[in-house]
Amino acid sequence: MATFSYKRDGLPLSLIRLHDTILKGLVDYFEKSKEVRKGIKQSRKAVKQALKFAKKKNVNPGIKIGMAREALEGIREELTYTRKSIAKTYSNLDEALDRIQNERLMQPLFLIEKAHELFREKQVEKGMEMLKKSLDELDKKVLVKTRTALFAGTSNQVTALKDEIEEYKEGKRLGKKKKENQ
């Protein structure tokens, strides 16, 4: 995570750099990863065999076409889970930013606005009380409510998707073992 140097460059620029790294990783994965290359190779081989069979026998090579489709479907599932992962992590991070904004900015801002109104109405004591409350909110170093909401809950969408992907990968591994044993 050397590209994620938010202390020096700020979080927005660091996120753009992280995006660039992830984007390059996506392209590399679907170009060069062992699993994808193997699926493409199996599909190509099955299509060549289907062409040979159809040319020789002049018959529909359904089994070979099915093998090619199966290999490509595996890659499509990988893309689908990647797409779901991006969507779920985006929504989770967006929700986290909303919570941070509410706790860090909106609560103190509301108290400051309320104090401003009280001062205009010549209620100096109540206005000072509101400013003290806003100062207490601003002095908080840790986002207690946000941390509790985000980290204490174990059943969020990202965790559920992670479990789903792990089950998918495990099923895929078991399917390979069954084919190898046959």
C-alpha atoms as a PDB file:
ATOM      1  CA  MET A   1       0.000   0.000   0.000  1.00  0.00           C
ATOM      2  CA  ALA A   2       2.859   2.383  -0.727  1.00  0.00           C
ATOM      3  CA  THR A   3       0.517   4.359  -2.987  1.00  0.00           C
ATOM      4  CA  PHE A   4      -1.806   5.027  -0.051  1.00  0.00           C
ATOM      5  CA  SER A   5       0.203   7.826   1.563  1.00  0.00           C
ATOM      6  CA  TYR A   6      -2.718   9.887   2.833  1.00  0.00           C
ATOM      7  CA  LYS A   7      -0.664  11.594   5.554  1.00  0.00           C
ATOM      8  CA  ARG A   8       1.476  13.356   2.966  1.00  0.00           C
ATOM      9  CA  ASP A   9      -0.876  13.834   0.009  1.00  0.00           C
ATOM     10  CA  GLY A  10      -4.291  13.888   1.648  1.00  0.00           C
ATOM     11  CA  LEU A  11      -6.967  11.232   1.458  1.00  0.00           C
ATOM     12  CA  PRO A  12      -8.635  12.249  -1.844  1.00  0.00           C
ATOM     13  CA  LEU A  13      -5.410  12.140  -3.878  1.00  0.00           C
ATOM     14  CA  SER A  14      -4.336   8.926  -2.182  1.00  0.00           C
ATOM     15  CA  LEU A  15      -7.669   7.335  -3.093  1.00  0.00           C
ATOM     16  CA  ILE A  16      -7.131   8.308  -6.735  1.00  0.00           C
ATOM     17  CA  ARG A  17      -3.722   6.640  -6.635  1.00  0.00           C
ATOM     18  CA  LEU A  18      -5.251   3.572  -5.001  1.00  0.00           C
ATOM     19  CA  HIS A  19      -7.861   3.556  -7.785  1.00  0.00           C
ATOM     20  CA  ASP A  20      -5.112   3.622 -10.409  1.00  0.00           C
ATOM     21  CA  THR A  21      -3.341   0.719  -8.709  1.00  0.00           C
ATOM     22  CA  ILE A  22      -6.545  -1.315  -8.483  1.00  0.00           C
ATOM     23  CA  LEU A  23      -7.386  -0.551 -12.106  1.00  0.00           C
ATOM     24  CA  LYS A  24      -3.977  -1.775 -13.264  1.00  0.00           C
ATOM     25  CA  GLY A  25      -4.421  -4.844 -11.084  1.00  0.00           C
ATOM     26  CA  LEU A  26      -7.826  -5.585 -12.644  1.00  0.00           C
ATOM     27  CA  VAL A  27      -6.436  -5.438 -16.153  1.00  0.00           C
ATOM     28  CA  ASP A  28      -3.388  -7.516 -15.201  1.00  0.00           C
ATOM     29  CA  TYR A  29      -5.565 -10.104 -13.462  1.00  0.00           C
ATOM     30  CA  PHE A  30      -7.847 -10.621 -16.445  1.00  0.00           C
ATOM     31  CA  GLU A  31      -4.869 -10.670 -18.823  1.00  0.00           C
ATOM     32  CA  LYS A  32      -2.286 -12.685 -16.950  1.00  0.00           C
ATOM     33  CA  SER A  33      -3.726 -14.561 -13.982  1.00  0.00           C
ATOM     34  CA  LYS A  34      -3.305 -18.311 -13.985  1.00  0.00           C
ATOM     35  CA  GLU A  35      -7.000 -18.983 -13.516  1.00  0.00           C
ATOM     36  CA  VAL A  36      -8.131 -16.741 -16.384  1.00  0.00           C
ATOM     37  CA  ARG A  37      -5.401 -17.949 -18.744  1.00  0.00           C
ATOM     38  CA  LYS A  38      -6.329 -21.540 -17.965  1.00  0.00           C
ATOM     39  CA  GLY A  39     -10.035 -20.853 -18.665  1.00  0.00           C
ATOM     40  CA  ILE A  40      -9.254 -19.132 -21.968  1.00  0.00           C
ATOM     41  CA  LYS A  41      -6.884 -21.946 -22.934  1.00  0.00           C
ATOM     42  CA  GLN A  42      -9.498 -24.611 -22.163  1.00  0.00           C
ATOM     43  CA  SER A  43     -12.120 -22.692 -24.101  1.00  0.00           C
ATOM     44  CA  ARG A  44      -9.832 -22.202 -27.101  1.00  0.00           C
ATOM     45  CA  LYS A  45      -8.919 -25.898 -27.075  1.00  0.00           C
ATOM     46  CA  ALA A  46     -12.572 -26.953 -26.890  1.00  0.00           C
ATOM     47  CA  VAL A  47     -13.523 -24.618 -29.751  1.00  0.00           C
ATOM     48  CA  LYS A  48     -10.705 -26.004 -31.935  1.00  0.00           C
ATOM     49  CA  GLN A  49     -11.841 -29.548 -31.179  1.00  0.00           C
ATOM     50  CA  ALA A  50     -15.444 -28.585 -31.938  1.00  0.00           C
ATOM     51  CA  LEU A  51     -14.386 -27.141 -35.293  1.00  0.00           C
ATOM     52  CA  LYS A  52     -12.421 -30.300 -36.137  1.00  0.00           C
ATOM     53  CA  PHE A  53     -15.286 -32.536 -35.130  1.00  0.00           C
ATOM     54  CA  ALA A  54     -17.871 -30.495 -37.047  1.00  0.00           C
ATOM     55  CA  LYS A  55     -15.661 -30.411 -40.137  1.00  0.00           C
ATOM     56  CA  LYS A  56     -14.938 -34.158 -40.040  1.00  0.00           C
ATOM     57  CA  LYS A  57     -18.330 -35.546 -39.125  1.00  0.00           C
ATOM     58  CA  ASN A  58     -20.531 -32.670 -40.286  1.00  0.00           C
ATOM     59  CA  VAL A  59     -22.375 -32.907 -36.961  1.00  0.00           C
ATOM     60  CA  ASN A  60     -23.126 -30.520 -34.105  1.00  0.00           C
ATOM     61  CA  PRO A  61     -20.224 -30.750 -31.589  1.00  0.00           C
ATOM     62  CA  GLY A  62     -22.406 -29.906 -28.585  1.00  0.00           C
ATOM     63  CA  ILE A  63     -20.164 -31.417 -25.903  1.00  0.00           C
ATOM     64  CA  LYS A  64     -17.089 -29.468 -26.961  1.00  0.00           C
ATOM     65  CA  ILE A  65     -19.083 -26.257 -27.300  1.00  0.00           C
ATOM     66  CA  GLY A  66     -20.433 -26.866 -23.806  1.00  0.00           C
ATOM     67  CA  MET A  67     -16.905 -27.227 -22.461  1.00  0.00           C
ATOM     68  CA  ALA A  68     -15.893 -23.919 -24.057  1.00  0.00           C
ATOM     69  CA  ARG A  69     -18.954 -22.175 -22.658  1.00  0.00           C
ATOM     70  CA  GLU A  70     -18.317 -23.629 -19.200  1.00  0.00           C
ATOM     71  CA  ALA A  71     -14.755 -22.302 -19.156  1.00  0.00           C
ATOM     72  CA  LEU A  72     -15.874 -18.829 -20.210  1.00  0.00           C
ATOM     73  CA  GLU A  73     -18.763 -18.863 -17.730  1.00  0.00           C
ATOM     74  CA  GLY A  74     -16.211 -19.331 -14.937  1.00  0.00           C
ATOM     75  CA  ILE A  75     -14.469 -16.140 -16.017  1.00  0.00           C
ATOM     76  CA  ARG A  76     -17.833 -14.364 -16.250  1.00  0.00           C
ATOM     77  CA  GLU A  77     -18.628 -15.404 -12.669  1.00  0.00           C
ATOM     78  CA  GLU A  78     -15.280 -13.985 -11.584  1.00  0.00           C
ATOM     79  CA  LEU A  79     -16.176 -10.684 -13.294  1.00  0.00           C
ATOM     80  CA  THR A  80     -19.600 -10.699 -11.668  1.00  0.00           C
ATOM     81  CA  TYR A  81     -18.145 -11.169  -8.196  1.00  0.00           C
ATOM     82  CA  THR A  82     -15.572  -8.461  -8.908  1.00  0.00           C
ATOM     83  CA  ARG A  83     -18.344  -6.097  -9.952  1.00  0.00           C
ATOM     84  CA  LYS A  84     -20.368  -6.957  -6.822  1.00  0.00           C
ATOM     85  CA  SER A  85     -17.293  -6.419  -4.646  1.00  0.00           C
ATOM     86  CA  ILE A  86     -16.714  -2.968  -6.097  1.00  0.00           C
ATOM     87  CA  ALA A  87     -20.363  -1.981  -5.658  1.00  0.00           C
ATOM     88  CA  LYS A  88     -20.644  -3.253  -2.078  1.00  0.00           C
ATOM     89  CA  THR A  89     -17.353  -1.743  -0.932  1.00  0.00           C
ATOM     90  CA  TYR A  90     -18.296   1.565  -2.568  1.00  0.00           C
ATOM     91  CA  SER A  91     -21.660   1.688  -0.784  1.00  0.00           C
ATOM     92  CA  ASN A  92     -20.039   0.679   2.509  1.00  0.00           C
ATOM     93  CA  LEU A  93     -17.350   3.359   2.208  1.00  0.00           C
ATOM     94  CA  ASP A  94     -19.940   5.953   1.181  1.00  0.00           C
ATOM     95  CA  GLU A  95     -22.011   5.081   4.252  1.00  0.00           C
ATOM     96  CA  ALA A  96     -18.886   5.398   6.410  1.00  0.00           C
ATOM     97  CA  LEU A  97     -18.203   8.858   4.974  1.00  0.00           C
ATOM     98  CA  ASP A  98     -21.798   9.885   5.731  1.00  0.00           C
ATOM     99  CA  ARG A  99     -21.427   8.727   9.331  1.00  0.00           C
ATOM    100  CA  ILE A 100     -18.098  10.518   9.704  1.00  0.00           C
ATOM    101  CA  GLN A 101     -19.588  13.695   8.258  1.00  0.00           C
ATOM    102  CA  ASN A 102     -22.543  13.560  10.632  1.00  0.00           C
ATOM    103  CA  GLU A 103     -20.474  12.891  13.723  1.00  0.00           C
ATOM    104  CA  ARG A 104     -17.432  15.041  12.984  1.00  0.00           C
ATOM    105  CA  LEU A 105     -19.025  18.002  11.204  1.00  0.00           C
ATOM    106  CA  MET A 106     -22.791  18.168  11.349  1.00  0.00           C
ATOM    107  CA  GLN A 107     -23.285  17.798  15.101  1.00  0.00           C
ATOM    108  CA  PRO A 108     -20.831  20.586  16.039  1.00  0.00           C
ATOM    109  CA  LEU A 109     -22.096  22.734  13.162  1.00  0.00           C
ATOM    110  CA  PHE A 110     -25.681  22.338  14.352  1.00  0.00           C
ATOM    111  CA  LEU A 111     -24.669  23.387  17.872  1.00  0.00           C
ATOM    112  CA  ILE A 112     -22.763  26.404  16.533  1.00  0.00           C
ATOM    113  CA  GLU A 113     -25.752  27.460  14.410  1.00  0.00           C
ATOM    114  CA  LYS A 114     -28.031  27.062  17.417  1.00  0.00           C
ATOM    115  CA  ALA A 115     -25.680  29.195  19.513  1.00  0.00           C
ATOM    116  CA  HIS A 116     -25.647  31.825  16.768  1.00  0.00           C
ATOM    117  CA  GLU A 117     -29.452  31.986  16.855  1.00  0.00           C
ATOM    118  CA  LEU A 118     -29.465  32.235  20.656  1.00  0.00           C
ATOM    119  CA  PHE A 119     -26.974  35.107  20.576  1.00  0.00           C
ATOM    120  CA  ARG A 120     -29.165  36.949  18.053  1.00  0.00           C
ATOM    121  CA  GLU A 121     -32.105  36.490  20.407  1.00  0.00           C
ATOM    122  CA  LYS A 122     -30.002  37.961  23.224  1.00  0.00           C
ATOM    123  CA  GLN A 123     -29.882  34.647  25.125  1.00  0.00           C
ATOM    124  CA  VAL A 124     -26.180  34.873  25.893  1.00  0.00           C
ATOM    125  CA  GLU A 125     -26.073  32.189  28.617  1.00  0.00           C
ATOM    126  CA  LYS A 126     -27.812  29.576  26.480  1.00  0.00           C
ATOM    127  CA  GLY A 127     -25.656  30.571  23.509  1.00  0.00           C
ATOM    128  CA  MET A 128     -22.485  30.110  25.558  1.00  0.00           C
ATOM    129  CA  GLU A 129     -23.781  26.724  26.720  1.00  0.00           C
ATOM    130  CA  MET A 130     -24.304  25.660  23.095  1.00  0.00           C
ATOM    131  CA  LEU A 131     -20.802  26.838  22.173  1.00  0.00           C
ATOM    132  CA  LYS A 132     -19.357  24.800  25.061  1.00  0.00           C
ATOM    133  CA  LYS A 133     -21.237  21.733  23.826  1.00  0.00           C
ATOM    134  CA  SER A 134     -19.935  22.310  20.310  1.00  0.00           C
ATOM    135  CA  LEU A 135     -16.414  22.683  21.708  1.00  0.00           C
ATOM    136  CA  ASP A 136     -16.803  19.358  23.496  1.00  0.00           C
ATOM    137  CA  GLU A 137     -17.893  17.768  20.213  1.00  0.00           C
ATOM    138  CA  LEU A 138     -14.941  19.316  18.375  1.00  0.00           C
ATOM    139  CA  ASP A 139     -12.489  18.178  21.062  1.00  0.00           C
ATOM    140  CA  LYS A 140     -13.413  14.525  20.548  1.00  0.00           C
ATOM    141  CA  LYS A 141     -10.505  12.774  18.876  1.00  0.00           C
ATOM    142  CA  VAL A 142     -12.209   9.428  18.249  1.00  0.00           C
ATOM    143  CA  LEU A 143     -15.408   8.969  16.295  1.00  0.00           C
ATOM    144  CA  VAL A 144     -17.036   6.710  18.878  1.00  0.00           C
ATOM    145  CA  LYS A 145     -20.469   6.384  17.262  1.00  0.00           C
ATOM    146  CA  THR A 146     -19.008   5.829  13.800  1.00  0.00           C
ATOM    147  CA  ARG A 147     -16.483   3.261  15.000  1.00  0.00           C
ATOM    148  CA  THR A 148     -19.170   1.384  16.909  1.00  0.00           C
ATOM    149  CA  ALA A 149     -21.551   1.372  13.958  1.00  0.00           C
ATOM    150  CA  LEU A 150     -18.925   0.346  11.388  1.00  0.00           C
ATOM    151  CA  PHE A 151     -16.663  -2.050  13.274  1.00  0.00           C
ATOM    152  CA  ALA A 152     -18.925  -3.602  15.911  1.00  0.00           C
ATOM    153  CA  GLY A 153     -21.487  -4.882  13.426  1.00  0.00           C
ATOM    154  CA  THR A 154     -20.476  -8.201  11.923  1.00  0.00           C
ATOM    155  CA  SER A 155     -23.326  -8.549   9.466  1.00  0.00           C
ATOM    156  CA  ASN A 156     -22.766  -5.898   6.851  1.00  0.00           C
ATOM    157  CA  GLN A 157     -23.038  -6.290   3.096  1.00  0.00           C
ATOM    158  CA  VAL A 158     -19.301  -6.528   2.502  1.00  0.00           C
ATOM    159  CA  THR A 159     -18.884  -9.336   5.034  1.00  0.00           C
ATOM    160  CA  ALA A 160     -21.823 -11.219   3.525  1.00  0.00           C
ATOM    161  CA  LEU A 161     -20.349 -10.867   0.029  1.00  0.00           C
ATOM    162  CA  LYS A 162     -16.949 -11.973   1.299  1.00  0.00           C
ATOM    163  CA  ASP A 163     -18.528 -15.122   2.722  1.00  0.00           C
ATOM    164  CA  GLU A 164     -20.401 -15.708  -0.555  1.00  0.00           C
ATOM    165  CA  ILE A 165     -17.200 -15.396  -2.590  1.00  0.00           C
ATOM    166  CA  GLU A 166     -15.329 -17.735  -0.242  1.00  0.00           C
ATOM    167  CA  GLU A 167     -18.119 -20.319  -0.604  1.00  0.00           C
ATOM    168  CA  TYR A 168     -17.974 -19.937  -4.388  1.00  0.00           C
ATOM    169  CA  LYS A 169     -14.185 -20.407  -4.412  1.00  0.00           C
ATOM    170  CA  GLU A 170     -14.447 -23.429  -2.121  1.00  0.00           C
ATOM    171  CA  GLY A 171     -17.135 -24.963  -4.357  1.00  0.00           C
ATOM    172  CA  LYS A 172     -14.934 -24.353  -7.366  1.00  0.00           C
ATOM    173  CA  ARG A 173     -11.976 -26.067  -5.650  1.00  0.00           C
ATOM    174  CA  LEU A 174     -14.136 -29.038  -4.670  1.00  0.00           C
ATOM    175  CA  GLY A 175     -15.435 -29.277  -8.251  1.00  0.00           C
ATOM    176  CA  LYS A 176     -11.862 -29.425  -9.554  1.00  0.00           C
ATOM    177  CA  LYS A 177     -10.977 -32.161  -7.081  1.00  0.00           C
ATOM    178  CA  LYS A 178     -13.993 -34.225  -8.133  1.00  0.00           C
ATOM    179  CA  LYS A 179     -13.011 -33.906 -11.813  1.00  0.00           C
ATOM    180  CA  GLU A 180      -9.429 -34.908 -11.034  1.00  0.00           C
ATOM    181  CA  ASN A 181     -10.544 -37.965  -9.059  1.00  0.00           C
ATOM    182  CA  GLN A 182     -12.825 -39.217 -11.858  1.00  0.00           C
END
